[in-house]
Amino acid sequence: MFIRIVKMSFHQENISKFLENFDLMKEKIRNAEGNRYLELYQDKNNPCIFFTYSFWETEQDLENYRQSALFDEVWTFTKKLFNNKPEAWSVDKIATLK
């Protein structure tokens, strides 16, 4: 399992559109094959910046999602709202402290 972090920055006037669409799509994304966890964060200092944080069983599961009609629908809508190029990282968890 690995973690995918995506940073997205939106025009202020597009934040509500993004959040409305995310609310409609979040269960579908979470239920994509291999997705085990999904969270959305908003930056405390810059409300235009958001991060998704998701756990995937395998890199192929993420790639299958990225090639799916669902991803195409989500990304086609979302990328029109950006004010900057998105950034993404795939990372392995090293430690968890509770």
PDB file of N, CA and C in Angstrom:
ATOM      1  N   MET A   1       0.844  -1.175   0.000  1.00  0.00           N
ATOM      2  CA  MET A   1       0.000   0.000   0.000  1.00  0.00           C
ATOM      3  C   MET A   1       0.889   1.238   0.000  1.00  0.00           C
ATOM      4  N   PHE A   2       0.422   2.286  -0.672  1.00  0.00           N
ATOM      5  CA  PHE A   2       1.156   3.542  -0.683  1.00  0.00           C
ATOM      6  C   PHE A   2       0.182   4.710  -0.644  1.00  0.00           C
ATOM      7  N   ILE A   3       0.718   5.882  -0.426  1.00  0.00           N
ATOM      8  CA  ILE A   3      -0.089   7.090  -0.256  1.00  0.00           C
ATOM      9  C   ILE A   3       0.141   8.018  -1.431  1.00  0.00           C
ATOM     10  N   ARG A   4      -0.933   8.623  -1.891  1.00  0.00           N
ATOM     11  CA  ARG A   4      -0.877   9.611  -2.970  1.00  0.00           C
ATOM     12  C   ARG A   4      -1.333  10.943  -2.390  1.00  0.00           C
ATOM     13  N   ILE A   5      -0.506  11.965  -2.561  1.00  0.00           N
ATOM     14  CA  ILE A   5      -0.814  13.313  -2.102  1.00  0.00           C
ATOM     15  C   ILE A   5      -0.857  14.211  -3.333  1.00  0.00           C
ATOM     16  N   VAL A   6      -1.940  14.943  -3.489  1.00  0.00           N
ATOM     17  CA  VAL A   6      -2.082  15.848  -4.625  1.00  0.00           C
ATOM     18  C   VAL A   6      -2.382  17.241  -4.092  1.00  0.00           C
ATOM     19  N   LYS A   7      -1.581  18.202  -4.516  1.00  0.00           N
ATOM     20  CA  LYS A   7      -1.765  19.613  -4.146  1.00  0.00           C
ATOM     21  C   LYS A   7      -2.424  20.328  -5.309  1.00  0.00           C
ATOM     22  N   MET A   8      -3.518  21.028  -4.997  1.00  0.00           N
ATOM     23  CA  MET A   8      -4.254  21.770  -6.023  1.00  0.00           C
ATOM     24  C   MET A   8      -4.505  23.187  -5.529  1.00  0.00           C
ATOM     25  N   SER A   9      -4.356  24.143  -6.412  1.00  0.00           N
ATOM     26  CA  SER A   9      -4.587  25.540  -6.072  1.00  0.00           C
ATOM     27  C   SER A   9      -5.655  26.101  -7.013  1.00  0.00           C
ATOM     28  N   PHE A  10      -6.648  26.747  -6.412  1.00  0.00           N
ATOM     29  CA  PHE A  10      -7.813  27.207  -7.164  1.00  0.00           C
ATOM     30  C   PHE A  10      -7.958  28.723  -7.132  1.00  0.00           C
ATOM     31  N   HIS A  11      -8.590  29.243  -8.160  1.00  0.00           N
ATOM     32  CA  HIS A  11      -9.030  30.634  -8.108  1.00  0.00           C
ATOM     33  C   HIS A  11     -10.070  30.731  -6.997  1.00  0.00           C
ATOM     34  N   GLN A  12     -10.016  31.789  -6.218  1.00  0.00           N
ATOM     35  CA  GLN A  12     -10.924  31.974  -5.075  1.00  0.00           C
ATOM     36  C   GLN A  12     -12.379  31.739  -5.472  1.00  0.00           C
ATOM     37  N   GLU A  13     -12.765  32.281  -6.606  1.00  0.00           N
ATOM     38  CA  GLU A  13     -14.175  32.180  -7.021  1.00  0.00           C
ATOM     39  C   GLU A  13     -14.578  30.762  -7.435  1.00  0.00           C
ATOM     40  N   ASN A  14     -13.604  29.868  -7.572  1.00  0.00           N
ATOM     41  CA  ASN A  14     -13.899  28.484  -7.981  1.00  0.00           C
ATOM     42  C   ASN A  14     -13.906  27.484  -6.822  1.00  0.00           C
ATOM     43  N   ILE A  15     -13.575  27.936  -5.633  1.00  0.00           N
ATOM     44  CA  ILE A  15     -13.490  27.008  -4.503  1.00  0.00           C
ATOM     45  C   ILE A  15     -14.827  26.328  -4.236  1.00  0.00           C
ATOM     46  N   SER A  16     -15.908  27.066  -4.229  1.00  0.00           N
ATOM     47  CA  SER A  16     -17.210  26.447  -3.940  1.00  0.00           C
ATOM     48  C   SER A  16     -17.585  25.436  -5.022  1.00  0.00           C
ATOM     49  N   LYS A  17     -17.245  25.716  -6.274  1.00  0.00           N
ATOM     50  CA  LYS A  17     -17.519  24.757  -7.356  1.00  0.00           C
ATOM     51  C   LYS A  17     -16.728  23.475  -7.134  1.00  0.00           C
ATOM     52  N   PHE A  18     -15.454  23.620  -6.767  1.00  0.00           N
ATOM     53  CA  PHE A  18     -14.630  22.449  -6.500  1.00  0.00           C
ATOM     54  C   PHE A  18     -15.209  21.631  -5.347  1.00  0.00           C
ATOM     55  N   LEU A  19     -15.551  22.293  -4.246  1.00  0.00           N
ATOM     56  CA  LEU A  19     -16.059  21.581  -3.074  1.00  0.00           C
ATOM     57  C   LEU A  19     -17.390  20.887  -3.355  1.00  0.00           C
ATOM     58  N   GLU A  20     -18.248  21.525  -4.109  1.00  0.00           N
ATOM     59  CA  GLU A  20     -19.522  20.901  -4.480  1.00  0.00           C
ATOM     60  C   GLU A  20     -19.284  19.648  -5.311  1.00  0.00           C
ATOM     61  N   ASN A  21     -18.380  19.738  -6.276  1.00  0.00           N
ATOM     62  CA  ASN A  21     -18.088  18.586  -7.126  1.00  0.00           C
ATOM     63  C   ASN A  21     -17.395  17.482  -6.328  1.00  0.00           C
ATOM     64  N   PHE A  22     -16.475  17.858  -5.455  1.00  0.00           N
ATOM     65  CA  PHE A  22     -15.802  16.858  -4.629  1.00  0.00           C
ATOM     66  C   PHE A  22     -16.821  16.117  -3.767  1.00  0.00           C
ATOM     67  N   ASP A  23     -17.774  16.846  -3.212  1.00  0.00           N
ATOM     68  CA  ASP A  23     -18.798  16.225  -2.383  1.00  0.00           C
ATOM     69  C   ASP A  23     -19.617  15.209  -3.190  1.00  0.00           C
ATOM     70  N   LEU A  24     -19.885  15.516  -4.439  1.00  0.00           N
ATOM     71  CA  LEU A  24     -20.625  14.597  -5.306  1.00  0.00           C
ATOM     72  C   LEU A  24     -19.804  13.366  -5.691  1.00  0.00           C
ATOM     73  N   MET A  25     -18.502  13.526  -5.819  1.00  0.00           N
ATOM     74  CA  MET A  25     -17.646  12.461  -6.351  1.00  0.00           C
ATOM     75  C   MET A  25     -16.856  11.682  -5.310  1.00  0.00           C
ATOM     76  N   LYS A  26     -16.756  12.167  -4.101  1.00  0.00           N
ATOM     77  CA  LYS A  26     -15.850  11.577  -3.113  1.00  0.00           C
ATOM     78  C   LYS A  26     -16.143  10.101  -2.825  1.00  0.00           C
ATOM     79  N   GLU A  27     -17.395   9.711  -2.749  1.00  0.00           N
ATOM     80  CA  GLU A  27     -17.722   8.304  -2.489  1.00  0.00           C
ATOM     81  C   GLU A  27     -17.330   7.427  -3.671  1.00  0.00           C
ATOM     82  N   LYS A  28     -17.525   7.935  -4.873  1.00  0.00           N
ATOM     83  CA  LYS A  28     -17.138   7.178  -6.070  1.00  0.00           C
ATOM     84  C   LYS A  28     -15.622   7.000  -6.119  1.00  0.00           C
ATOM     85  N   ILE A  29     -14.889   8.068  -5.810  1.00  0.00           N
ATOM     86  CA  ILE A  29     -13.425   7.979  -5.800  1.00  0.00           C
ATOM     87  C   ILE A  29     -12.980   6.995  -4.726  1.00  0.00           C
ATOM     88  N   ARG A  30     -13.555   7.139  -3.534  1.00  0.00           N
ATOM     89  CA  ARG A  30     -13.183   6.270  -2.422  1.00  0.00           C
ATOM     90  C   ARG A  30     -13.483   4.798  -2.730  1.00  0.00           C
ATOM     91  N   ASN A  31     -14.520   4.556  -3.510  1.00  0.00           N
ATOM     92  CA  ASN A  31     -14.906   3.186  -3.845  1.00  0.00           C
ATOM     93  C   ASN A  31     -14.233   2.653  -5.107  1.00  0.00           C
ATOM     94  N   ALA A  32     -13.311   3.421  -5.675  1.00  0.00           N
ATOM     95  CA  ALA A  32     -12.551   2.927  -6.831  1.00  0.00           C
ATOM     96  C   ALA A  32     -11.735   1.716  -6.393  1.00  0.00           C
ATOM     97  N   GLU A  33     -11.580   0.776  -7.281  1.00  0.00           N
ATOM     98  CA  GLU A  33     -10.822  -0.452  -6.981  1.00  0.00           C
ATOM     99  C   GLU A  33      -9.436  -0.108  -6.439  1.00  0.00           C
ATOM    100  N   GLY A  34      -9.123  -0.619  -5.265  1.00  0.00           N
ATOM    101  CA  GLY A  34      -7.805  -0.410  -4.680  1.00  0.00           C
ATOM    102  C   GLY A  34      -7.684   0.801  -3.785  1.00  0.00           C
ATOM    103  N   ASN A  35      -8.679   1.695  -3.783  1.00  0.00           N
ATOM    104  CA  ASN A  35      -8.619   2.862  -2.906  1.00  0.00           C
ATOM    105  C   ASN A  35      -9.087   2.455  -1.517  1.00  0.00           C
ATOM    106  N   ARG A  36      -8.262   2.738  -0.518  1.00  0.00           N
ATOM    107  CA  ARG A  36      -8.575   2.325   0.852  1.00  0.00           C
ATOM    108  C   ARG A  36      -8.836   3.491   1.786  1.00  0.00           C
ATOM    109  N   TYR A  37      -8.594   4.726   1.315  1.00  0.00           N
ATOM    110  CA  TYR A  37      -8.713   5.870   2.223  1.00  0.00           C
ATOM    111  C   TYR A  37      -8.670   7.136   1.387  1.00  0.00           C
ATOM    112  N   LEU A  38      -9.469   8.137   1.760  1.00  0.00           N
ATOM    113  CA  LEU A  38      -9.471   9.403   1.032  1.00  0.00           C
ATOM    114  C   LEU A  38      -9.798  10.532   1.989  1.00  0.00           C
ATOM    115  N   GLU A  39      -8.967  11.561   1.972  1.00  0.00           N
ATOM    116  CA  GLU A  39      -9.227  12.770   2.743  1.00  0.00           C
ATOM    117  C   GLU A  39      -8.937  13.989   1.871  1.00  0.00           C
ATOM    118  N   LEU A  40      -9.602  15.091   2.222  1.00  0.00           N
ATOM    119  CA  LEU A  40      -9.369  16.375   1.568  1.00  0.00           C
ATOM    120  C   LEU A  40      -8.992  17.375   2.649  1.00  0.00           C
ATOM    121  N   TYR A  41      -7.911  18.117   2.417  1.00  0.00           N
ATOM    122  CA  TYR A  41      -7.438  19.137   3.342  1.00  0.00           C
ATOM    123  C   TYR A  41      -7.432  20.499   2.660  1.00  0.00           C
ATOM    124  N   GLN A  42      -7.612  21.553   3.472  1.00  0.00           N
ATOM    125  CA  GLN A  42      -7.487  22.928   2.980  1.00  0.00           C
ATOM    126  C   GLN A  42      -6.400  23.617   3.798  1.00  0.00           C
ATOM    127  N   ASP A  43      -5.513  24.318   3.115  1.00  0.00           N
ATOM    128  CA  ASP A  43      -4.411  25.019   3.771  1.00  0.00           C
ATOM    129  C   ASP A  43      -4.953  26.091   4.720  1.00  0.00           C
ATOM    130  N   LYS A  44      -4.386  26.181   5.907  1.00  0.00           N
ATOM    131  CA  LYS A  44      -4.836  27.156   6.899  1.00  0.00           C
ATOM    132  C   LYS A  44      -4.462  28.592   6.531  1.00  0.00           C
ATOM    133  N   ASN A  45      -3.342  28.767   5.845  1.00  0.00           N
ATOM    134  CA  ASN A  45      -2.869  30.115   5.532  1.00  0.00           C
ATOM    135  C   ASN A  45      -3.302  30.602   4.157  1.00  0.00           C
ATOM    136  N   ASN A  46      -3.565  29.684   3.254  1.00  0.00           N
ATOM    137  CA  ASN A  46      -4.006  30.049   1.911  1.00  0.00           C
ATOM    138  C   ASN A  46      -5.214  29.188   1.558  1.00  0.00           C
ATOM    139  N   PRO A  47      -6.423  29.724   1.712  1.00  0.00           N
ATOM    140  CA  PRO A  47      -7.631  28.926   1.502  1.00  0.00           C
ATOM    141  C   PRO A  47      -7.840  28.473   0.054  1.00  0.00           C
ATOM    142  N   CYS A  48      -7.006  28.925  -0.856  1.00  0.00           N
ATOM    143  CA  CYS A  48      -7.107  28.504  -2.254  1.00  0.00           C
ATOM    144  C   CYS A  48      -6.378  27.188  -2.517  1.00  0.00           C
ATOM    145  N   ILE A  49      -5.602  26.716  -1.530  1.00  0.00           N
ATOM    146  CA  ILE A  49      -4.807  25.498  -1.698  1.00  0.00           C
ATOM    147  C   ILE A  49      -5.470  24.337  -0.960  1.00  0.00           C
ATOM    148  N   PHE A  50      -5.603  23.228  -1.690  1.00  0.00           N
ATOM    149  CA  PHE A  50      -6.189  21.994  -1.156  1.00  0.00           C
ATOM    150  C   PHE A  50      -5.249  20.832  -1.430  1.00  0.00           C
ATOM    151  N   PHE A  51      -5.377  19.798  -0.614  1.00  0.00           N
ATOM    152  CA  PHE A  51      -4.621  18.570  -0.791  1.00  0.00           C
ATOM    153  C   PHE A  51      -5.573  17.389  -0.692  1.00  0.00           C
ATOM    154  N   THR A  52      -5.416  16.423  -1.582  1.00  0.00           N
ATOM    155  CA  THR A  52      -6.062  15.136  -1.363  1.00  0.00           C
ATOM    156  C   THR A  52      -4.995  14.183  -0.853  1.00  0.00           C
ATOM    157  N   TYR A  53      -5.430  13.288   0.000  1.00  0.00           N
ATOM    158  CA  TYR A  53      -4.555  12.319   0.645  1.00  0.00           C
ATOM    159  C   TYR A  53      -5.275  10.995   0.529  1.00  0.00           C
ATOM    160  N   SER A  54      -4.704  10.068  -0.228  1.00  0.00           N
ATOM    161  CA  SER A  54      -5.392   8.794  -0.456  1.00  0.00           C
ATOM    162  C   SER A  54      -4.433   7.624  -0.337  1.00  0.00           C
ATOM    163  N   PHE A  55      -4.967   6.499   0.123  1.00  0.00           N
ATOM    164  CA  PHE A  55      -4.209   5.248   0.229  1.00  0.00           C
ATOM    165  C   PHE A  55      -4.648   4.338  -0.901  1.00  0.00           C
ATOM    166  N   TRP A  56      -3.677   3.724  -1.568  1.00  0.00           N
ATOM    167  CA  TRP A  56      -3.941   2.799  -2.673  1.00  0.00           C
ATOM    168  C   TRP A  56      -3.249   1.477  -2.406  1.00  0.00           C
ATOM    169  N   GLU A  57      -3.906   0.395  -2.743  1.00  0.00           N
ATOM    170  CA  GLU A  57      -3.332  -0.937  -2.556  1.00  0.00           C
ATOM    171  C   GLU A  57      -2.070  -1.114  -3.398  1.00  0.00           C
ATOM    172  N   THR A  58      -2.169  -0.766  -4.691  1.00  0.00           N
ATOM    173  CA  THR A  58      -1.025  -0.928  -5.592  1.00  0.00           C
ATOM    174  C   THR A  58      -0.931   0.271  -6.521  1.00  0.00           C
ATOM    175  N   GLU A  59       0.230   0.445  -7.115  1.00  0.00           N
ATOM    176  CA  GLU A  59       0.397   1.503  -8.110  1.00  0.00           C
ATOM    177  C   GLU A  59      -0.501   1.249  -9.314  1.00  0.00           C
ATOM    178  N   GLN A  60      -0.728  -0.011  -9.638  1.00  0.00           N
ATOM    179  CA  GLN A  60      -1.611  -0.336 -10.759  1.00  0.00           C
ATOM    180  C   GLN A  60      -3.050   0.081 -10.463  1.00  0.00           C
ATOM    181  N   ASP A  61      -3.493  -0.047  -9.206  1.00  0.00           N
ATOM    182  CA  ASP A  61      -4.837   0.419  -8.847  1.00  0.00           C
ATOM    183  C   ASP A  61      -4.973   1.916  -9.098  1.00  0.00           C
ATOM    184  N   LEU A  62      -3.967   2.683  -8.694  1.00  0.00           N
ATOM    185  CA  LEU A  62      -4.002   4.125  -8.943  1.00  0.00           C
ATOM    186  C   LEU A  62      -3.992   4.395 -10.437  1.00  0.00           C
ATOM    187  N   GLU A  63      -3.156   3.699 -11.170  1.00  0.00           N
ATOM    188  CA  GLU A  63      -3.089   3.904 -12.622  1.00  0.00           C
ATOM    189  C   GLU A  63      -4.408   3.531 -13.279  1.00  0.00           C
ATOM    190  N   ASN A  64      -5.040   2.455 -12.836  1.00  0.00           N
ATOM    191  CA  ASN A  64      -6.348   2.072 -13.384  1.00  0.00           C
ATOM    192  C   ASN A  64      -7.379   3.164 -13.124  1.00  0.00           C
ATOM    193  N   TYR A  65      -7.363   3.729 -11.915  1.00  0.00           N
ATOM    194  CA  TYR A  65      -8.255   4.850 -11.612  1.00  0.00           C
ATOM    195  C   TYR A  65      -7.952   6.037 -12.521  1.00  0.00           C
ATOM    196  N   ARG A  66      -6.677   6.343 -12.705  1.00  0.00           N
ATOM    197  CA  ARG A  66      -6.292   7.493 -13.535  1.00  0.00           C
ATOM    198  C   ARG A  66      -6.679   7.302 -15.002  1.00  0.00           C
ATOM    199  N   GLN A  67      -6.891   6.061 -15.433  1.00  0.00           N
ATOM    200  CA  GLN A  67      -7.303   5.769 -16.809  1.00  0.00           C
ATOM    201  C   GLN A  67      -8.820   5.568 -16.924  1.00  0.00           C
ATOM    202  N   SER A  68      -9.547   5.735 -15.825  1.00  0.00           N
ATOM    203  CA  SER A  68     -10.984   5.442 -15.804  1.00  0.00           C
ATOM    204  C   SER A  68     -11.836   6.627 -16.260  1.00  0.00           C
ATOM    205  N   ALA A  69     -13.069   6.311 -16.612  1.00  0.00           N
ATOM    206  CA  ALA A  69     -14.040   7.348 -16.978  1.00  0.00           C
ATOM    207  C   ALA A  69     -14.320   8.253 -15.784  1.00  0.00           C
ATOM    208  N   LEU A  70     -14.319   7.688 -14.578  1.00  0.00           N
ATOM    209  CA  LEU A  70     -14.546   8.488 -13.371  1.00  0.00           C
ATOM    210  C   LEU A  70     -13.466   9.543 -13.219  1.00  0.00           C
ATOM    211  N   PHE A  71     -12.206   9.157 -13.320  1.00  0.00           N
ATOM    212  CA  PHE A  71     -11.113  10.132 -13.208  1.00  0.00           C
ATOM    213  C   PHE A  71     -11.235  11.191 -14.297  1.00  0.00           C
ATOM    214  N   ASP A  72     -11.538  10.770 -15.515  1.00  0.00           N
ATOM    215  CA  ASP A  72     -11.676  11.714 -16.622  1.00  0.00           C
ATOM    216  C   ASP A  72     -12.760  12.746 -16.304  1.00  0.00           C
ATOM    217  N   GLU A  73     -13.864  12.294 -15.761  1.00  0.00           N
ATOM    218  CA  GLU A  73     -14.957  13.207 -15.399  1.00  0.00           C
ATOM    219  C   GLU A  73     -14.522  14.173 -14.296  1.00  0.00           C
ATOM    220  N   VAL A  74     -13.915  13.629 -13.251  1.00  0.00           N
ATOM    221  CA  VAL A  74     -13.472  14.457 -12.119  1.00  0.00           C
ATOM    222  C   VAL A  74     -12.405  15.447 -12.563  1.00  0.00           C
ATOM    223  N   TRP A  75     -11.393  14.965 -13.275  1.00  0.00           N
ATOM    224  CA  TRP A  75     -10.255  15.813 -13.619  1.00  0.00           C
ATOM    225  C   TRP A  75     -10.616  16.842 -14.684  1.00  0.00           C
ATOM    226  N   THR A  76     -11.463  16.470 -15.634  1.00  0.00           N
ATOM    227  CA  THR A  76     -11.892  17.422 -16.664  1.00  0.00           C
ATOM    228  C   THR A  76     -12.586  18.615 -16.026  1.00  0.00           C
ATOM    229  N   PHE A  77     -13.429  18.345 -15.039  1.00  0.00           N
ATOM    230  CA  PHE A  77     -14.122  19.420 -14.334  1.00  0.00           C
ATOM    231  C   PHE A  77     -13.141  20.229 -13.491  1.00  0.00           C
ATOM    232  N   THR A  78     -12.328  19.546 -12.700  1.00  0.00           N
ATOM    233  CA  THR A  78     -11.478  20.199 -11.701  1.00  0.00           C
ATOM    234  C   THR A  78     -10.382  21.049 -12.317  1.00  0.00           C
ATOM    235  N   LYS A  79      -9.734  20.555 -13.359  1.00  0.00           N
ATOM    236  CA  LYS A  79      -8.568  21.279 -13.891  1.00  0.00           C
ATOM    237  C   LYS A  79      -8.930  22.641 -14.468  1.00  0.00           C
ATOM    238  N   LYS A  80     -10.180  22.846 -14.819  1.00  0.00           N
ATOM    239  CA  LYS A  80     -10.613  24.162 -15.323  1.00  0.00           C
ATOM    240  C   LYS A  80     -10.663  25.213 -14.213  1.00  0.00           C
ATOM    241  N   LEU A  81     -10.621  24.767 -12.967  1.00  0.00           N
ATOM    242  CA  LEU A  81     -10.768  25.672 -11.831  1.00  0.00           C
ATOM    243  C   LEU A  81      -9.433  26.110 -11.227  1.00  0.00           C
ATOM    244  N   PHE A  82      -8.336  25.497 -11.675  1.00  0.00           N
ATOM    245  CA  PHE A  82      -7.017  25.753 -11.100  1.00  0.00           C
ATOM    246  C   PHE A  82      -6.508  27.157 -11.399  1.00  0.00           C
ATOM    247  N   ASN A  83      -5.692  27.674 -10.472  1.00  0.00           N
ATOM    248  CA  ASN A  83      -4.948  28.904 -10.730  1.00  0.00           C
ATOM    249  C   ASN A  83      -3.449  28.642 -10.814  1.00  0.00           C
ATOM    250  N   ASN A  84      -3.074  27.355 -10.686  1.00  0.00           N
ATOM    251  CA  ASN A  84      -1.677  26.958 -10.762  1.00  0.00           C
ATOM    252  C   ASN A  84      -1.630  25.478 -11.123  1.00  0.00           C
ATOM    253  N   LYS A  85      -0.494  25.039 -11.610  1.00  0.00           N
ATOM    254  CA  LYS A  85      -0.342  23.637 -11.978  1.00  0.00           C
ATOM    255  C   LYS A  85      -0.407  22.756 -10.722  1.00  0.00           C
ATOM    256  N   PRO A  86      -1.173  21.662 -10.759  1.00  0.00           N
ATOM    257  CA  PRO A  86      -1.213  20.770  -9.599  1.00  0.00           C
ATOM    258  C   PRO A  86       0.105  20.015  -9.446  1.00  0.00           C
ATOM    259  N   GLU A  87       0.355  19.560  -8.232  1.00  0.00           N
ATOM    260  CA  GLU A  87       1.536  18.748  -7.945  1.00  0.00           C
ATOM    261  C   GLU A  87       1.072  17.457  -7.282  1.00  0.00           C
ATOM    262  N   ALA A  88       1.783  16.359  -7.533  1.00  0.00           N
ATOM    263  CA  ALA A  88       1.402  15.074  -6.947  1.00  0.00           C
ATOM    264  C   ALA A  88       2.635  14.302  -6.524  1.00  0.00           C
ATOM    265  N   TRP A  89       2.478  13.567  -5.428  1.00  0.00           N
ATOM    266  CA  TRP A  89       3.534  12.721  -4.909  1.00  0.00           C
ATOM    267  C   TRP A  89       2.946  11.361  -4.556  1.00  0.00           C
ATOM    268  N   SER A  90       3.678  10.308  -4.866  1.00  0.00           N
ATOM    269  CA  SER A  90       3.364   8.967  -4.384  1.00  0.00           C
ATOM    270  C   SER A  90       4.439   8.627  -3.362  1.00  0.00           C
ATOM    271  N   VAL A  91       4.006   8.308  -2.141  1.00  0.00           N
ATOM    272  CA  VAL A  91       4.953   8.097  -1.051  1.00  0.00           C
ATOM    273  C   VAL A  91       4.642   6.799  -0.313  1.00  0.00           C
ATOM    274  N   ASP A  92       5.663   6.236   0.306  1.00  0.00           N
ATOM    275  CA  ASP A  92       5.504   5.080   1.172  1.00  0.00           C
ATOM    276  C   ASP A  92       5.534   5.553   2.616  1.00  0.00           C
ATOM    277  N   LYS A  93       4.642   5.005   3.435  1.00  0.00           N
ATOM    278  CA  LYS A  93       4.621   5.339   4.844  1.00  0.00           C
ATOM    279  C   LYS A  93       5.807   4.676   5.539  1.00  0.00           C
ATOM    280  N   ILE A  94       6.535   5.443   6.307  1.00  0.00           N
ATOM    281  CA  ILE A  94       7.699   4.939   7.034  1.00  0.00           C
ATOM    282  C   ILE A  94       7.339   4.660   8.496  1.00  0.00           C
ATOM    283  N   ALA A  95       6.554   5.542   9.099  1.00  0.00           N
ATOM    284  CA  ALA A  95       6.214   5.359  10.508  1.00  0.00           C
ATOM    285  C   ALA A  95       4.872   6.004  10.809  1.00  0.00           C
ATOM    286  N   THR A  96       4.162   5.443  11.776  1.00  0.00           N
ATOM    287  CA  THR A  96       2.920   6.006  12.286  1.00  0.00           C
ATOM    288  C   THR A  96       3.017   6.034  13.808  1.00  0.00           C
ATOM    289  N   LEU A  97       2.738   7.175  14.395  1.00  0.00           N
ATOM    290  CA  LEU A  97       2.714   7.313  15.856  1.00  0.00           C
ATOM    291  C   LEU A  97       1.312   7.742  16.263  1.00  0.00           C
ATOM    292  N   LYS A  98       0.781   7.112  17.274  1.00  0.00           N
ATOM    293  CA  LYS A  98      -0.570   7.483  17.762  1.00  0.00           C
ATOM    294  C   LYS A  98      -0.511   7.812  19.223  1.00  0.00           C
TER     295      LYS A  98
END
